[in-house]
Amino acid sequence: MTVLIFTLLVFAGSTAAGLLGALTGLGGGVVLVPLLTLVFHVDLRYAIGASLISVIATSSGAAAAYVREGYSNVRIGMFLEVATTLGALLGAFLAAKVSTRGLAVLFGAVLIYSAWLSWYGDPDDTEIKENPWSDRLGLSGMYPGRRGEEIHYRVDRIPAGFATMFGAGTLSGLLGIGSGAVKVIAMDRIMRIPFKVSTTTSNFMIGVTAAASAGIYL
């Protein structure tokens, strides 16, 4: 395979990975890492490092549009990034201790779960719940509906969501993915944030998480 063909194929695969990451909030690493390791036979650890860098770019491009359109909740993203950043640092440290086979098995499990979540995402839960911590931390928000109306929501079970985000960050550092699958599940099903807000806020967050662990890989 010539360098030109290799470059074109990687470019095409990366474009597909970026599209999936932007649409679902899962991060393009779930596509890019298997592409590099299974198709191009790149060492898994090198693929993880390259994926982290690409996730930063994917997040930056998609997040700007979502924030401008009013879907992402920046305050929630910044609050939960405290947990995911700490987890990412731990995951990047553990990556050097875990065998390549162990990383591959763990990545396969996360990949299957990400595919399931993308296919069976729950519909929006627009019910406004009473939660004093949501108001005290300023996490309540709204997003534009299909007809242009403003849909308001409050955040529930904040401690449980925060703890889950630490696990999401650890997976990100270990596997070189945005760990958006875990972030979306934490926001959508644990914290009861509407699905549109969960996916778009996840896009906003994954770049910061990836940057935290990428510094260790570099």
Protein backbone atom coordinates (compact mmCIF):
# COMPACT_ATOMS: atom_id res chain seq x y z
CA MET A 1 0.00 0.00 0.00
CA THR A 2 1.43 3.35 -1.03
CA VAL A 3 1.58 6.33 1.27
CA LEU A 4 -1.03 8.16 -0.82
CA ILE A 5 -3.56 5.32 -0.60
CA PHE A 6 -2.90 4.91 3.10
CA THR A 7 -3.46 8.63 3.66
CA LEU A 8 -6.69 8.66 1.67
CA LEU A 9 -8.09 5.65 3.50
CA VAL A 10 -7.23 7.05 6.90
CA PHE A 11 -8.78 10.37 5.89
CA ALA A 12 -12.01 8.68 4.80
CA GLY A 13 -12.20 6.63 7.98
CA SER A 14 -11.46 9.65 10.14
CA THR A 15 -14.22 11.62 8.39
CA ALA A 16 -16.71 8.85 9.20
CA ALA A 17 -15.45 8.77 12.79
CA GLY A 18 -15.89 12.52 13.16
CA LEU A 19 -19.41 12.35 11.71
CA LEU A 20 -20.44 9.63 14.16
CA GLY A 21 -18.85 11.42 17.08
CA ALA A 22 -20.59 14.71 16.26
CA LEU A 23 -24.02 13.14 15.74
CA THR A 24 -24.11 10.91 18.81
CA GLY A 25 -21.79 12.60 21.29
CA LEU A 26 -19.89 9.32 21.67
CA GLY A 27 -16.57 10.52 20.32
CA GLY A 28 -14.97 9.35 17.09
CA GLY A 29 -12.50 7.12 18.92
CA VAL A 30 -14.96 4.22 18.86
CA VAL A 31 -14.42 4.11 15.08
CA LEU A 32 -10.88 5.38 14.75
CA VAL A 33 -9.15 2.98 17.16
CA PRO A 34 -10.59 -0.20 15.53
CA LEU A 35 -9.83 1.26 12.10
CA LEU A 36 -6.18 1.85 12.92
CA THR A 37 -5.63 -1.44 14.74
CA LEU A 38 -7.70 -3.91 12.70
CA VAL A 39 -7.41 -2.44 9.21
CA PHE A 40 -4.02 -0.76 9.24
CA HIS A 41 -2.40 -2.93 11.95
CA VAL A 42 -1.22 0.00 14.03
CA ASP A 43 -0.15 -0.89 17.57
CA LEU A 44 -3.07 -0.39 19.95
CA ARG A 45 -1.24 2.03 22.21
CA TYR A 46 -0.24 4.25 19.26
CA ALA A 47 -3.83 4.10 17.99
CA ILE A 48 -5.10 5.20 21.41
CA GLY A 49 -2.75 8.19 21.45
CA ALA A 50 -3.71 9.23 17.92
CA SER A 51 -7.40 8.84 18.74
CA LEU A 52 -7.13 11.14 21.74
CA ILE A 53 -5.71 13.90 19.55
CA SER A 54 -8.47 13.44 16.96
CA VAL A 55 -11.18 13.48 19.63
CA ILE A 56 -10.00 16.93 20.72
CA ALA A 57 -10.48 18.24 17.18
CA THR A 58 -13.84 16.52 16.76
CA SER A 59 -15.14 17.96 20.00
CA SER A 60 -13.94 21.46 19.14
CA GLY A 61 -15.67 21.46 15.77
CA ALA A 62 -19.01 20.03 16.89
CA ALA A 63 -19.21 21.77 20.26
CA ALA A 64 -18.96 25.24 18.75
CA ALA A 65 -22.09 24.67 16.66
CA TYR A 66 -24.08 23.06 19.47
CA VAL A 67 -23.24 25.81 21.96
CA ARG A 68 -24.19 28.48 19.44
CA GLU A 69 -27.54 26.80 18.76
CA GLY A 70 -28.33 26.56 22.47
CA TYR A 71 -28.36 22.79 22.89
CA SER A 72 -25.25 22.26 25.02
CA ASN A 73 -25.37 23.14 28.71
CA VAL A 74 -21.95 24.67 29.28
CA ARG A 75 -22.38 24.95 33.05
CA ILE A 76 -23.16 21.24 33.38
CA GLY A 77 -20.25 20.42 31.10
CA MET A 78 -17.75 22.42 33.12
CA PHE A 79 -19.07 21.00 36.41
CA LEU A 80 -18.83 17.38 35.27
CA GLU A 81 -15.44 17.93 33.62
CA VAL A 82 -13.91 18.09 37.09
CA ALA A 83 -14.71 14.39 37.49
CA THR A 84 -13.89 13.30 33.94
CA THR A 85 -10.53 15.10 33.91
CA LEU A 86 -9.42 13.39 37.12
CA GLY A 87 -10.59 10.08 35.72
CA ALA A 88 -8.76 10.68 32.43
CA LEU A 89 -5.49 11.26 34.26
CA LEU A 90 -5.99 8.01 36.17
CA GLY A 91 -6.88 6.13 32.99
CA ALA A 92 -3.81 7.36 31.11
CA PHE A 93 -1.64 6.26 34.04
CA LEU A 94 -3.29 2.81 34.16
CA ALA A 95 -2.93 2.35 30.39
CA ALA A 96 0.78 1.75 30.82
CA LYS A 97 0.07 -0.94 33.43
CA VAL A 98 -2.64 -2.87 31.55
CA SER A 99 -1.70 -5.40 28.87
CA THR A 100 -2.58 -4.79 25.24
CA ARG A 101 -4.92 -7.79 25.28
CA GLY A 102 -6.70 -6.43 28.34
CA LEU A 103 -7.15 -3.06 26.64
CA ALA A 104 -8.51 -4.78 23.53
CA VAL A 105 -11.10 -6.75 25.51
CA LEU A 106 -12.20 -3.66 27.43
CA PHE A 107 -12.40 -1.64 24.24
CA GLY A 108 -14.56 -4.32 22.60
CA ALA A 109 -17.02 -4.20 25.49
CA VAL A 110 -17.26 -0.41 25.34
CA LEU A 111 -17.65 -0.56 21.54
CA ILE A 112 -20.60 -2.94 21.77
CA TYR A 113 -22.22 -0.78 24.40
CA SER A 114 -21.69 2.38 22.31
CA ALA A 115 -23.37 0.75 19.31
CA TRP A 116 -26.32 -0.29 21.46
CA LEU A 117 -26.69 3.19 22.91
CA SER A 118 -26.56 4.82 19.46
CA TRP A 119 -29.36 2.56 18.22
CA TYR A 120 -31.58 2.56 21.29
CA GLY A 121 -31.26 6.10 22.62
CA ASP A 122 -34.14 7.05 24.90
CA PRO A 123 -36.55 9.81 23.83
CA ASP A 124 -36.30 13.18 25.52
CA ASP A 125 -37.61 13.42 29.07
CA THR A 126 -38.93 16.95 29.31
CA GLU A 127 -40.56 16.70 32.73
CA ILE A 128 -39.31 19.40 35.07
CA LYS A 129 -38.20 17.83 38.37
CA GLU A 130 -37.71 19.58 41.69
CA ASN A 131 -34.11 19.33 42.84
CA PRO A 132 -32.62 22.03 45.09
CA TRP A 133 -29.02 21.22 44.12
CA SER A 134 -29.82 21.78 40.47
CA ASP A 135 -30.84 25.36 41.22
CA ARG A 136 -28.09 26.03 43.76
CA LEU A 137 -25.41 24.98 41.29
CA GLY A 138 -27.15 26.73 38.43
CA LEU A 139 -27.45 23.52 36.39
CA SER A 140 -31.04 24.06 35.29
CA GLY A 141 -31.39 24.99 31.66
CA MET A 142 -33.42 24.99 28.49
CA TYR A 143 -33.02 24.10 24.84
CA PRO A 144 -34.95 24.96 21.67
CA GLY A 145 -37.71 22.55 20.67
CA ARG A 146 -38.69 21.50 17.17
CA ARG A 147 -41.13 24.38 16.83
CA GLY A 148 -38.79 26.95 18.29
CA GLU A 149 -40.27 26.84 21.78
CA GLU A 150 -38.06 26.77 24.87
CA ILE A 151 -38.05 23.44 26.74
CA HIS A 152 -36.95 23.77 30.35
CA TYR A 153 -35.41 21.03 32.49
CA ARG A 154 -33.75 20.44 35.86
CA VAL A 155 -30.93 18.04 36.71
CA ASP A 156 -31.51 15.09 39.04
CA ARG A 157 -29.21 12.74 41.03
CA ILE A 158 -26.16 14.96 40.71
CA PRO A 159 -23.79 12.96 43.01
CA ALA A 160 -24.45 9.70 41.12
CA GLY A 161 -23.86 11.40 37.78
CA PHE A 162 -20.67 13.01 39.01
CA ALA A 163 -19.32 9.65 40.19
CA THR A 164 -20.19 8.02 36.87
CA MET A 165 -18.33 10.76 35.04
CA PHE A 166 -15.15 9.79 36.88
CA GLY A 167 -15.50 6.31 35.39
CA ALA A 168 -16.12 7.82 31.97
CA GLY A 169 -12.92 9.82 32.20
CA THR A 170 -10.98 6.73 33.25
CA LEU A 171 -12.22 4.85 30.18
CA SER A 172 -11.26 7.79 28.00
CA GLY A 173 -7.69 7.77 29.27
CA LEU A 174 -7.43 3.97 29.01
CA LEU A 175 -8.91 3.50 25.55
CA GLY A 176 -8.34 6.77 23.72
CA ILE A 177 -12.03 7.41 23.15
CA GLY A 178 -14.22 10.29 24.19
CA SER A 179 -16.14 7.85 26.44
CA GLY A 180 -19.26 9.65 25.28
CA ALA A 181 -21.29 6.46 25.71
CA VAL A 182 -20.82 6.58 29.48
CA LYS A 183 -21.24 10.35 29.61
CA VAL A 184 -24.49 10.22 27.70
CA ILE A 185 -25.86 7.42 29.91
CA ALA A 186 -24.89 9.37 33.03
CA MET A 187 -26.58 12.56 31.90
CA ASP A 188 -29.59 11.05 30.16
CA ARG A 189 -30.58 8.16 32.40
CA ILE A 190 -29.01 9.00 35.75
CA MET A 191 -29.23 12.78 35.87
CA ARG A 192 -32.40 12.88 33.72
CA ILE A 193 -31.08 15.48 31.31
CA PRO A 194 -32.95 15.44 27.96
CA PHE A 195 -31.21 13.28 25.34
CA LYS A 196 -30.50 16.16 22.96
CA VAL A 197 -28.79 18.09 25.72
CA SER A 198 -26.91 14.99 26.89
CA THR A 199 -25.39 14.21 23.49
CA THR A 200 -24.49 17.80 22.66
CA THR A 201 -23.03 18.48 26.10
CA SER A 202 -21.05 15.24 25.80
CA ASN A 203 -19.55 16.62 22.57
CA PHE A 204 -18.56 19.74 24.47
CA MET A 205 -16.90 17.68 27.22
CA ILE A 206 -14.99 14.97 25.37
CA GLY A 207 -12.33 17.33 24.04
CA VAL A 208 -11.32 18.47 27.52
CA THR A 209 -11.28 14.87 28.78
CA ALA A 210 -9.13 13.75 25.86
CA ALA A 211 -6.74 16.67 26.28
CA ALA A 212 -6.15 15.74 29.93
CA SER A 213 -5.00 12.20 29.08
CA ALA A 214 -3.32 13.08 25.78
CA GLY A 215 -0.71 15.11 27.65
CA ILE A 216 0.44 11.94 29.43
CA TYR A 217 0.58 9.91 26.20
CA LEU A 218 2.66 12.61 24.52
